[in-house]
Protein backbone atom coordinates (compact mmCIF):
# COMPACT_ATOMS: atom_id res chain seq x y z
CA UNK A 1 -2.82 -42.84 -24.49
CA UNK A 2 -0.36 -45.60 -23.55
CA UNK A 3 -1.96 -48.65 -21.95
CA UNK A 4 -1.18 -49.62 -18.38
CA UNK A 5 1.84 -51.96 -18.54
CA UNK A 6 0.67 -53.70 -15.38
CA UNK A 7 -2.97 -54.23 -16.40
CA UNK A 8 -2.69 -57.80 -17.70
CA UNK A 9 -0.62 -59.00 -14.76
CA UNK A 10 -2.90 -57.30 -12.23
CA UNK A 11 -5.93 -58.88 -13.88
CA UNK A 12 -4.27 -62.28 -13.51
CA UNK A 13 -3.69 -61.57 -9.81
CA UNK A 14 -7.39 -60.81 -9.38
CA UNK A 15 -8.17 -64.17 -11.02
CA UNK A 16 -5.67 -65.86 -8.73
CA UNK A 17 -7.32 -64.40 -5.61
CA UNK A 18 -10.82 -65.31 -6.79
CA UNK A 19 -9.78 -68.88 -7.53
CA UNK A 20 -7.87 -69.43 -4.30
CA UNK A 21 -9.89 -70.95 -1.42
CA UNK A 22 -8.05 -68.65 1.00
CA UNK A 23 -7.43 -65.60 -1.22
CA UNK A 24 -3.71 -66.29 -1.32
CA UNK A 25 -1.11 -64.38 -3.36
CA UNK A 26 2.51 -65.53 -3.85
CA UNK A 27 5.06 -63.65 -1.78
CA UNK A 28 7.34 -62.80 -4.68
CA UNK A 29 8.04 -59.10 -5.39
CA UNK A 30 6.06 -58.99 -8.65
CA UNK A 31 2.92 -60.34 -6.99
CA UNK A 32 3.32 -58.16 -3.93
CA UNK A 33 3.76 -55.07 -6.11
CA UNK A 34 0.57 -55.99 -7.97
CA UNK A 35 -1.21 -56.49 -4.68
CA UNK A 36 -0.12 -53.03 -3.59
CA UNK A 37 -1.55 -51.49 -6.76
CA UNK A 38 -4.81 -53.39 -6.39
CA UNK A 39 -5.21 -52.37 -2.76
CA UNK A 40 -4.45 -48.73 -3.57
CA UNK A 41 -7.12 -48.74 -6.29
CA UNK A 42 -9.61 -50.49 -3.96
CA UNK A 43 -9.90 -53.56 -6.17
CA UNK A 44 -8.99 -55.94 -3.33
CA UNK A 45 -9.44 -55.90 0.45
CA UNK A 46 -7.92 -58.01 3.21
CA UNK A 47 -10.17 -61.04 3.66
CA UNK A 48 -12.06 -61.11 6.96
CA UNK A 49 -12.31 -64.90 6.81
CA UNK A 50 -8.77 -65.99 5.92
CA UNK A 51 -5.64 -64.76 7.68
CA UNK A 52 -3.29 -63.04 5.22
CA UNK A 53 -5.81 -63.64 2.42
CA UNK A 54 -7.56 -61.16 0.14
CA UNK A 55 -10.96 -60.80 -1.45
CA UNK A 56 -11.71 -58.96 -4.67
CA UNK A 57 -14.30 -56.23 -5.04
CA UNK A 58 -15.72 -58.06 -8.05
CA UNK A 59 -16.35 -61.11 -5.84
CA UNK A 60 -17.94 -58.97 -3.14
CA UNK A 61 -20.21 -57.34 -5.72
CA UNK A 62 -22.09 -60.64 -6.01
CA UNK A 63 -22.92 -60.69 -2.28
CA UNK A 64 -26.23 -59.29 -1.00
CA UNK A 65 -26.75 -56.29 1.23
CA UNK A 66 -28.99 -56.67 4.27
CA UNK A 67 -31.42 -54.07 5.59
CA UNK A 68 -35.00 -53.97 6.83
CA UNK A 69 -36.98 -56.10 4.39
CA UNK A 70 -39.86 -53.62 4.45
CA UNK A 71 -37.73 -50.53 3.83
CA UNK A 72 -39.48 -49.97 0.49
CA UNK A 73 -42.82 -49.84 2.30
CA UNK A 74 -41.48 -47.18 4.64
CA UNK A 75 -40.12 -45.15 1.74
CA UNK A 76 -43.50 -45.40 0.00
CA UNK A 77 -45.28 -44.16 3.13
CA UNK A 78 -47.14 -47.45 3.63
CA UNK A 79 -45.75 -48.09 7.13
CA UNK A 80 -44.32 -46.07 10.01
CA UNK A 81 -40.66 -46.30 10.97
CA UNK A 82 -41.56 -48.28 14.11
CA UNK A 83 -42.86 -51.09 11.89
CA UNK A 84 -39.48 -51.74 10.24
CA UNK A 85 -38.11 -55.28 10.46
CA UNK A 86 -36.22 -55.75 13.72
CA UNK A 87 -32.45 -55.63 13.92
CA UNK A 88 -32.41 -59.17 15.30
CA UNK A 89 -34.30 -60.42 12.25
CA UNK A 90 -31.99 -58.57 9.84
CA UNK A 91 -28.94 -60.04 11.59
CA UNK A 92 -30.49 -63.52 11.44
CA UNK A 93 -30.88 -63.22 7.66
CA UNK A 94 -27.23 -62.18 7.38
CA UNK A 95 -26.19 -65.22 9.45
CA UNK A 96 -28.29 -67.58 7.34
CA UNK A 97 -26.61 -66.32 4.15
CA UNK A 98 -23.10 -67.09 5.42
CA UNK A 99 -21.33 -70.42 4.93
CA UNK A 100 -22.02 -72.65 7.93
CA UNK A 101 -18.36 -72.52 8.99
CA UNK A 102 -18.54 -68.73 9.51
CA UNK A 103 -21.77 -68.52 11.48
CA UNK A 104 -20.40 -69.18 14.97
CA UNK A 105 -17.81 -66.41 14.62
CA UNK A 106 -20.38 -64.05 13.13
CA UNK A 107 -22.71 -64.70 16.06
CA UNK A 108 -20.09 -63.23 18.42
CA UNK A 109 -20.68 -59.83 16.77
CA UNK A 110 -24.43 -59.81 17.42
CA UNK A 111 -24.31 -57.72 20.61
CA UNK A 112 -22.22 -54.98 18.99
CA UNK A 113 -23.98 -55.04 15.63
CA UNK A 114 -27.65 -55.83 16.12
CA UNK A 115 -28.68 -54.80 19.64
CA UNK A 116 -30.41 -51.43 19.51
CA UNK A 117 -29.67 -48.92 22.29
CA UNK A 118 -32.00 -48.93 25.29
CA UNK A 119 -33.76 -45.64 26.01
CA UNK A 120 -35.91 -44.69 28.97
CA UNK A 121 -37.00 -41.15 28.19
CA UNK A 122 -39.87 -39.12 29.54
CA UNK A 123 -41.22 -35.76 28.40
CA UNK A 124 -43.82 -34.19 30.66
CA UNK A 125 -44.42 -37.52 32.35
CA UNK A 126 -45.03 -39.32 29.03
CA UNK A 127 -42.64 -42.04 27.92
CA UNK A 128 -41.27 -41.05 24.49
CA UNK A 129 -41.06 -43.57 21.63
CA UNK A 130 -37.80 -45.49 21.45
CA UNK A 131 -35.18 -43.82 19.31
CA UNK A 132 -34.98 -45.21 15.78
CA UNK A 133 -32.02 -47.53 15.14
CA UNK A 134 -32.24 -49.74 12.06
CA UNK A 135 -29.42 -52.07 11.06
CA UNK A 136 -27.89 -52.65 7.64
CA UNK A 137 -24.88 -54.63 6.36
CA UNK A 138 -22.98 -54.16 3.11
CA UNK A 139 -19.95 -55.93 1.61
CA UNK A 140 -16.72 -53.97 2.03
CA UNK A 141 -13.84 -53.09 4.32
CA UNK A 142 -12.33 -50.23 6.28
CA UNK A 143 -9.07 -49.69 8.09
CA UNK A 144 -9.71 -53.26 9.22
CA UNK A 145 -11.56 -56.08 7.47
CA UNK A 146 -15.31 -56.36 7.82
CA UNK A 147 -17.09 -58.87 10.02
CA UNK A 148 -17.43 -62.47 8.73
CA UNK A 149 -18.38 -62.63 5.10
CA UNK A 150 -16.51 -59.34 4.58
CA UNK A 151 -19.40 -57.16 5.70
CA UNK A 152 -19.44 -53.63 7.02
CA UNK A 153 -22.24 -53.02 9.50
CA UNK A 154 -24.11 -49.80 10.03
CA UNK A 155 -27.30 -48.17 11.14
CA UNK A 156 -29.63 -45.27 10.53
CA UNK A 157 -30.21 -43.73 13.92
CA UNK A 158 -32.05 -40.93 15.65
CA UNK A 159 -29.70 -38.58 17.51
CA UNK A 160 -32.13 -36.52 19.57
CA UNK A 161 -34.76 -37.38 22.15
CA UNK A 162 -37.70 -35.92 20.23
CA UNK A 163 -38.25 -37.75 16.96
CA UNK A 164 -40.08 -34.81 15.40
CA UNK A 165 -37.15 -32.44 15.84
CA UNK A 166 -34.20 -34.84 16.01
CA UNK A 167 -31.24 -34.87 13.69
CA UNK A 168 -30.24 -38.22 12.18
CA UNK A 169 -27.11 -40.13 11.23
CA UNK A 170 -25.97 -43.01 9.06
CA UNK A 171 -23.04 -44.89 10.62
CA UNK A 172 -20.83 -47.59 9.09
CA UNK A 173 -18.16 -49.70 10.85
CA UNK A 174 -15.62 -52.40 10.08
CA UNK A 175 -14.79 -55.17 12.55
CA UNK A 176 -12.79 -52.85 14.80
CA UNK A 177 -12.57 -49.05 15.10
CA UNK A 178 -12.81 -48.05 11.44
CA UNK A 179 -15.93 -45.95 10.93
CA UNK A 180 -17.67 -43.42 8.69
CA UNK A 181 -20.63 -41.19 9.53
CA UNK A 182 -23.12 -38.98 7.71
CA UNK A 183 -25.42 -36.59 9.60
CA UNK A 184 -28.69 -35.22 8.28
CA UNK A 185 -31.48 -32.93 9.40
CA UNK A 186 -34.30 -35.34 8.59
CA UNK A 187 -35.10 -39.04 8.54
CA UNK A 188 -35.96 -38.80 4.84
CA UNK A 189 -32.47 -37.50 4.05
CA UNK A 190 -30.87 -40.25 6.15
CA UNK A 191 -32.90 -42.93 4.37
CA UNK A 192 -31.96 -41.48 0.98
CA UNK A 193 -28.30 -41.69 2.01
CA UNK A 194 -28.81 -45.29 3.11
CA UNK A 195 -30.12 -46.10 -0.36
CA UNK A 196 -27.07 -44.42 -1.90
CA UNK A 197 -24.74 -46.45 0.30
CA UNK A 198 -26.44 -49.73 -0.60
CA UNK A 199 -26.29 -48.86 -4.30
CA UNK A 200 -22.54 -48.09 -3.97
CA UNK A 201 -21.52 -51.39 -2.33
CA UNK A 202 -18.97 -52.90 -2.17
CA UNK A 203 -16.55 -50.18 -1.09
CA UNK A 204 -13.82 -49.15 1.33
CA UNK A 205 -14.99 -46.85 4.12
CA UNK A 206 -12.64 -44.10 3.00
CA UNK A 207 -14.38 -44.00 -0.39
CA UNK A 208 -17.55 -42.71 1.28
CA UNK A 209 -16.09 -39.22 1.52
CA UNK A 210 -17.22 -38.80 -2.10
CA UNK A 211 -20.85 -38.98 -0.96
CA UNK A 212 -20.57 -36.79 2.10
CA UNK A 213 -19.39 -39.12 4.86
CA UNK A 214 -16.60 -38.28 7.28
CA UNK A 215 -14.26 -41.02 8.49
CA UNK A 216 -12.56 -41.43 11.84
């Protein structure tokens, strides 16, 4: 098969983005055409931290994902879901991993990203357990860039009032209204999907259709 005539040039553009402090690409037609090819193949995303800059997927692949630090214990049956690390603690670890210059901006997303919904539910006069809502963050992008550090934020959440019979969902969001969602019948299935998402990072939200997500 003939080799891609653009491959060498596109590889050089990836190097250029990685080595630029602001992810800059020259505005000449050849570079912009390469940028278009790289964006279409999901090898680069708009950079959340630099206006008009880009970040490569290979650079994002070196960044950590954040989720409850005792998720493995839950999956092994050693703890109950209510014992998972709090969303506030998960968000704090994400903040601490960012460069100092990005932390103030990232903090402005806390209320939308890390605050779990408030529920006051009673069944037969008994207050039901709070609905499950556990935060995770993965490198990537959607229709818009991610939040600072180029992170998508999401959650595994309980959709019904009764935990024993509830359906579940895995949601992912960019910094604005880009979103993807997966619904499942059980918590175990939702947690398995969370593991699949984490293993797939970094990615664009519209790539999640391949593993059963629907996008807005």
